[in-house]
């Protein structure tokens, strides 16, 4: 009994996970007390966006300190560096053929 993510499915990842979890629980393939896969077990399959949380927090803290010290410049939007980590959960757009 393994959770399977289908990359080519038009069904969104979260719905695939929900349907599989529901099936395993309701069919009693996963009885009470069964170990449901942890985040660390699932994250090896899930596409994610990585961000440097420390750098983002540091920048936010500096802006907050400036605001506390009297900076009344209008709010602004800042771009945060990100990295897309593609794993098994990424599929081409629905209807797109490879």
Protein backbone atom coordinates (compact mmCIF):
# COMPACT_ATOMS: atom_id res chain seq x y z
CA UNK A 1 0.00 0.00 0.00
CA UNK A 2 1.80 3.01 -1.27
CA UNK A 3 0.51 6.48 -2.11
CA UNK A 4 0.94 7.04 -5.82
CA UNK A 5 1.06 10.47 -7.43
CA UNK A 6 0.19 10.42 -11.14
CA UNK A 7 2.08 13.17 -12.92
CA UNK A 8 -0.04 13.00 -16.07
CA UNK A 9 -3.37 13.11 -14.25
CA UNK A 10 -5.67 16.11 -14.71
CA UNK A 11 -6.66 15.59 -11.05
CA UNK A 12 -4.85 18.10 -8.78
CA UNK A 13 -2.23 16.67 -6.42
CA UNK A 14 -4.17 17.54 -3.26
CA UNK A 15 -7.24 15.72 -4.59
CA UNK A 16 -5.15 12.68 -5.52
CA UNK A 17 -3.73 12.57 -1.99
CA UNK A 18 -7.13 13.07 -0.37
CA UNK A 19 -8.75 10.33 -2.47
CA UNK A 20 -5.99 7.84 -1.71
CA UNK A 21 -5.92 8.59 2.01
CA UNK A 22 -9.70 8.29 2.17
CA UNK A 23 -9.63 4.98 0.26
CA UNK A 24 -6.95 3.41 2.48
CA UNK A 25 -8.75 4.46 5.67
CA UNK A 26 -12.33 3.59 4.64
CA UNK A 27 -11.34 0.24 3.08
CA UNK A 28 -9.56 -0.60 6.36
CA UNK A 29 -6.31 -1.18 4.49
CA UNK A 30 -5.03 1.32 7.04
CA UNK A 31 -6.54 0.17 10.34
CA UNK A 32 -6.64 2.35 13.48
CA UNK A 33 -3.07 3.07 14.57
CA UNK A 34 -1.60 2.61 11.10
CA UNK A 35 1.36 4.86 10.36
CA UNK A 36 0.18 7.42 7.80
CA UNK A 37 3.11 8.74 5.72
CA UNK A 38 4.79 11.73 7.33
CA UNK A 39 5.55 15.04 5.69
CA UNK A 40 9.18 14.01 5.25
CA UNK A 41 8.11 10.80 3.53
CA UNK A 42 5.70 12.65 1.23
CA UNK A 43 7.94 15.63 0.50
CA UNK A 44 10.32 13.47 -1.49
CA UNK A 45 7.51 13.28 -4.08
CA UNK A 46 6.06 16.81 -3.89
CA UNK A 47 7.18 19.70 -6.06
CA UNK A 48 8.03 22.66 -3.86
CA UNK A 49 9.18 26.26 -3.98
CA UNK A 50 12.19 26.85 -1.75
CA UNK A 51 12.82 30.24 -0.17
CA UNK A 52 15.51 31.43 2.21
CA UNK A 53 13.34 31.95 5.29
CA UNK A 54 16.18 33.46 7.32
CA UNK A 55 17.00 36.09 4.68
CA UNK A 56 13.31 36.91 4.23
CA UNK A 57 12.84 37.31 7.99
CA UNK A 58 15.98 39.40 8.29
CA UNK A 59 14.77 41.76 5.53
CA UNK A 60 11.32 42.03 7.13
CA UNK A 61 12.87 42.80 10.52
CA UNK A 62 15.04 45.56 9.04
CA UNK A 63 12.02 47.13 7.34
CA UNK A 64 10.01 46.91 10.59
CA UNK A 65 12.80 48.58 12.56
CA UNK A 66 12.95 51.40 10.00
CA UNK A 67 9.17 51.82 10.33
CA UNK A 68 9.39 51.90 14.15
CA UNK A 69 12.15 54.51 13.88
CA UNK A 70 9.82 56.77 11.91
CA UNK A 71 10.20 55.82 8.25
CA UNK A 72 6.80 56.65 6.78
CA UNK A 73 7.51 55.71 3.17
CA UNK A 74 4.60 53.94 1.47
CA UNK A 75 4.47 50.14 1.66
CA UNK A 76 6.22 48.40 -1.18
CA UNK A 77 6.41 44.96 -2.66
CA UNK A 78 9.72 43.10 -2.63
CA UNK A 79 10.71 40.11 -4.72
CA UNK A 80 12.06 37.12 -2.80
CA UNK A 81 14.54 34.75 -4.43
CA UNK A 82 12.96 31.35 -4.92
CA UNK A 83 13.93 28.00 -6.35
CA UNK A 84 11.46 25.62 -7.95
CA UNK A 85 12.22 22.02 -6.98
CA UNK A 86 10.40 19.74 -9.42
CA UNK A 87 9.59 16.27 -8.18
CA UNK A 88 7.12 13.50 -9.01
CA UNK A 89 4.01 15.63 -8.44
CA UNK A 90 4.60 17.94 -11.40
CA UNK A 91 2.78 17.22 -14.63
CA UNK A 92 2.28 19.06 -17.90
CA UNK A 93 -0.85 21.22 -18.16
CA UNK A 94 -4.09 19.34 -18.70
CA UNK A 95 -4.58 18.44 -22.34
CA UNK A 96 -0.93 18.96 -23.19
CA UNK A 97 0.84 16.03 -24.80
CA UNK A 98 4.52 15.31 -24.41
